[in-house]
Amino acid sequence: NKALKIGYITLVTLGIIATKSRGGMVLFAICLLIKLVLYCKKNNSWKWLYIALGGAAMVFCILLCFHEFRCFLIGFSGGELTFDALTSGRVTLMIDNLLAAFEKPILGHGLGTYHSANYFNIPQDAHNLFVALLYRCGIVGFTVYIAALALVFRQAKEENKFTSVWFVFLLIMLANSMFEVCYQSYKCDVIFW
């Protein structure tokens, strides 16, 4: 029912905001927009799309007035316009962890291990689920995870669940975990399960 879907959308949004994932928020907004366009096309009524876009534009303009929001959009780049700075150093972390994964390719380095550190010397995850899996669990763990994902996708196809809220949430988490520490965050895990 509608109340349950609104509840799911609210939980997903809060989860993404709680993890401070800019990419997740953008991806989630795009998914909601696509869903709204499909709804409007199906019902041949475009007023909800115009209302949603107008409301989002007004909220965005209001938020731009706040310095904190502008800093949030820029991220942790410190104003630099290099690709690595705009990704908050994620590209370097991914490459670093991927190269380190080849040192122990079969079983990996073990769960809970980190290879890289940021400029504060704090251990950092690869910020990419698949690279982190290869580093920590090796080819064995990576293969098991991919097989489990394949089963979920096959079941979703058989049961025609591609448009269900849980499947869309899974896709958002997967896409978000390509650039964010998503699955390792207890906030996301609680919302997901």
Protein backbone atom coordinates (compact mmCIF):
# COMPACT_ATOMS: atom_id res chain seq x y z
CA ASN A 1 0.00 0.00 0.00
CA LYS A 2 1.00 3.64 -0.32
CA ALA A 3 1.82 4.15 3.36
CA LEU A 4 4.28 1.26 3.30
CA LYS A 5 5.97 2.56 0.14
CA ILE A 6 6.25 6.05 1.63
CA GLY A 7 7.76 4.47 4.74
CA TYR A 8 10.32 2.56 2.66
CA ILE A 9 11.25 5.67 0.68
CA THR A 10 11.66 7.62 3.91
CA LEU A 11 13.89 4.93 5.44
CA VAL A 12 16.06 4.69 2.33
CA THR A 13 16.44 8.46 2.21
CA LEU A 14 17.36 8.66 5.90
CA GLY A 15 19.87 5.84 5.45
CA ILE A 16 21.60 7.60 2.60
CA ILE A 17 21.63 10.91 4.46
CA ALA A 18 22.91 9.20 7.62
CA THR A 19 25.89 7.83 5.70
CA LYS A 20 26.53 11.25 4.10
CA SER A 21 26.61 9.73 0.63
CA ARG A 22 26.24 12.43 -2.01
CA GLY A 23 26.28 9.87 -4.82
CA GLY A 24 23.58 7.82 -3.11
CA MET A 25 21.36 10.85 -2.75
CA VAL A 26 21.72 11.79 -6.42
CA LEU A 27 21.11 8.20 -7.52
CA PHE A 28 18.08 7.90 -5.26
CA ALA A 29 16.64 11.16 -6.62
CA ILE A 30 17.12 9.93 -10.20
CA CYS A 31 15.40 6.60 -9.39
CA LEU A 32 12.45 8.44 -7.81
CA LEU A 33 12.22 10.74 -10.83
CA ILE A 34 12.18 7.80 -13.25
CA LYS A 35 9.50 6.08 -11.15
CA LEU A 36 7.44 9.29 -11.14
CA VAL A 37 7.76 9.70 -14.92
CA LEU A 38 6.62 6.09 -15.45
CA TYR A 39 3.69 6.66 -13.07
CA CYS A 40 2.66 9.85 -14.88
CA LYS A 41 2.96 8.17 -18.29
CA LYS A 42 0.89 5.18 -17.14
CA ASN A 43 -1.88 7.39 -15.75
CA ASN A 44 -1.54 10.03 -18.49
CA SER A 45 -1.36 12.74 -15.82
CA TRP A 46 1.75 14.88 -15.68
CA LYS A 47 0.73 17.24 -12.88
CA TRP A 48 2.55 15.21 -10.19
CA LEU A 49 5.78 15.39 -12.18
CA TYR A 50 5.51 19.17 -12.46
CA ILE A 51 4.67 19.48 -8.77
CA ALA A 52 7.61 17.25 -7.77
CA LEU A 53 10.10 19.02 -10.04
CA GLY A 54 8.89 22.46 -8.96
CA GLY A 55 9.05 21.49 -5.27
CA ALA A 56 12.52 19.98 -5.67
CA ALA A 57 13.75 23.09 -7.49
CA MET A 58 12.42 25.35 -4.73
CA VAL A 59 13.98 23.24 -1.97
CA PHE A 60 17.29 23.12 -3.86
CA CYS A 61 17.32 26.91 -4.32
CA ILE A 62 16.54 27.45 -0.64
CA LEU A 63 19.29 25.03 0.42
CA LEU A 64 21.80 26.81 -1.83
CA CYS A 65 21.44 29.82 0.44
CA PHE A 66 23.17 27.88 3.22
CA HIS A 67 26.97 27.70 3.25
CA GLU A 68 26.92 24.20 4.78
CA PHE A 69 24.86 22.84 1.87
CA ARG A 70 27.22 24.34 -0.71
CA CYS A 71 30.18 22.77 1.12
CA PHE A 72 28.29 19.48 1.23
CA LEU A 73 27.83 19.60 -2.56
CA ILE A 74 31.51 20.32 -3.14
CA GLY A 75 32.46 17.51 -0.81
CA PHE A 76 35.89 17.15 0.70
CA SER A 77 37.77 18.37 -2.36
CA GLY A 78 38.93 21.53 -0.63
CA GLY A 79 38.09 23.49 -3.76
CA GLU A 80 40.56 21.65 -6.00
CA LEU A 81 39.28 20.68 -9.42
CA THR A 82 41.24 17.47 -9.90
CA PHE A 83 39.35 14.23 -10.45
CA ASP A 84 40.82 12.65 -7.33
CA ALA A 85 39.95 15.70 -5.22
CA LEU A 86 36.37 15.75 -6.50
CA THR A 87 36.02 12.08 -5.58
CA SER A 88 37.46 12.79 -2.10
CA GLY A 89 40.48 10.61 -2.85
CA ARG A 90 38.35 7.56 -3.67
CA VAL A 91 40.10 6.84 -6.97
CA THR A 92 43.47 6.59 -5.22
CA LEU A 93 41.96 4.35 -2.51
CA MET A 94 40.40 2.03 -5.08
CA ILE A 95 43.57 1.67 -7.14
CA ASP A 96 45.67 1.22 -3.98
CA ASN A 97 43.40 -1.53 -2.63
CA LEU A 98 43.05 -3.27 -6.00
CA LEU A 99 46.82 -3.49 -6.42
CA ALA A 100 47.17 -4.76 -2.84
CA ALA A 101 44.51 -7.42 -3.55
CA PHE A 102 46.88 -9.05 -6.03
CA GLU A 103 49.34 -9.76 -3.20
CA LYS A 104 46.96 -12.40 -1.75
CA PRO A 105 44.54 -13.11 -4.59
CA ILE A 106 42.93 -16.39 -3.46
CA LEU A 107 41.75 -15.78 0.13
CA GLY A 108 42.55 -12.08 0.51
CA HIS A 109 43.96 -10.22 3.51
CA GLY A 110 41.11 -10.98 5.91
CA LEU A 111 37.93 -9.31 7.07
CA GLY A 112 38.29 -5.98 8.82
CA THR A 113 41.68 -5.20 7.27
CA TYR A 114 42.55 -1.92 5.59
CA HIS A 115 45.31 -1.20 3.14
CA SER A 116 45.21 2.57 2.65
CA ALA A 117 44.99 5.54 4.95
CA ASN A 118 43.83 9.07 4.26
CA TYR A 119 45.87 12.21 4.95
CA PHE A 120 44.82 12.08 8.63
CA ASN A 121 46.41 8.59 8.73
CA ILE A 122 43.03 7.02 9.43
CA PRO A 123 42.52 3.57 7.84
CA GLN A 124 40.20 3.79 4.86
CA ASP A 125 38.05 1.29 3.03
CA ALA A 126 38.39 1.06 -0.75
CA HIS A 127 35.02 2.86 -1.15
CA ASN A 128 34.09 0.22 -3.71
CA LEU A 129 32.34 -2.95 -2.62
CA PHE A 130 33.92 -5.20 -5.24
CA VAL A 131 37.46 -3.90 -4.73
CA ALA A 132 37.04 -4.20 -0.95
CA LEU A 133 35.79 -7.78 -1.37
CA LEU A 134 38.76 -8.70 -3.56
CA TYR A 135 41.16 -7.17 -1.03
CA ARG A 136 39.59 -8.68 2.10
CA CYS A 137 38.13 -11.98 0.83
CA GLY A 138 40.08 -12.67 -2.33
CA ILE A 139 38.68 -14.41 -5.37
CA VAL A 140 36.89 -16.98 -3.19
CA GLY A 141 34.84 -14.43 -1.24
CA PHE A 142 34.28 -12.28 -4.31
CA THR A 143 32.91 -15.28 -6.25
CA VAL A 144 30.59 -16.29 -3.41
CA TYR A 145 29.17 -12.74 -3.21
CA ILE A 146 28.66 -12.50 -6.99
CA ALA A 147 26.92 -15.90 -6.96
CA ALA A 148 24.58 -14.73 -4.17
CA LEU A 149 23.80 -11.55 -6.13
CA ALA A 150 23.11 -13.60 -9.25
CA LEU A 151 20.61 -15.72 -7.28
CA VAL A 152 18.84 -12.59 -6.02
CA PHE A 153 18.62 -11.16 -9.54
CA ARG A 154 17.36 -14.48 -10.92
CA GLN A 155 14.68 -14.72 -8.24
CA ALA A 156 13.63 -11.12 -8.88
CA LYS A 157 13.30 -11.91 -12.58
CA GLU A 158 11.29 -15.10 -11.97
CA GLU A 159 8.93 -13.34 -9.57
CA ASN A 160 8.77 -10.16 -11.68
CA LYS A 161 9.99 -8.03 -8.77
CA PHE A 162 12.22 -5.60 -10.68
CA THR A 163 9.99 -2.65 -9.77
CA SER A 164 9.43 -3.63 -6.14
CA VAL A 165 10.70 -1.29 -3.46
CA TRP A 166 13.14 -3.82 -1.97
CA PHE A 167 14.74 -4.55 -5.35
CA VAL A 168 15.08 -0.85 -6.19
CA PHE A 169 16.65 -0.33 -2.75
CA LEU A 170 19.08 -3.19 -3.42
CA LEU A 171 20.08 -1.61 -6.74
CA ILE A 172 20.55 1.78 -5.11
CA MET A 173 22.74 0.24 -2.40
CA LEU A 174 24.78 -1.67 -4.99
CA ALA A 175 25.31 1.39 -7.17
CA ASN A 176 26.06 3.52 -4.12
CA SER A 177 28.57 0.96 -2.84
CA MET A 178 30.68 1.45 -5.97
CA PHE A 179 31.80 4.80 -4.52
CA GLU A 180 30.91 4.66 -0.84
CA VAL A 181 31.37 2.50 2.25
CA CYS A 182 27.79 1.32 2.18
CA TYR A 183 27.57 -2.35 3.09
CA GLN A 184 30.07 -1.95 5.90
CA SER A 185 27.99 0.80 7.51
CA TYR A 186 25.76 -0.46 10.31
CA LYS A 187 23.18 2.22 9.42
CA CYS A 188 22.72 0.82 5.94
CA ASP A 189 22.76 -2.76 7.20
CA VAL A 190 19.98 -2.08 9.70
CA ILE A 191 17.79 -0.39 7.08
CA PHE A 192 18.57 -3.06 4.47
CA TRP A 193 17.69 -6.04 6.67
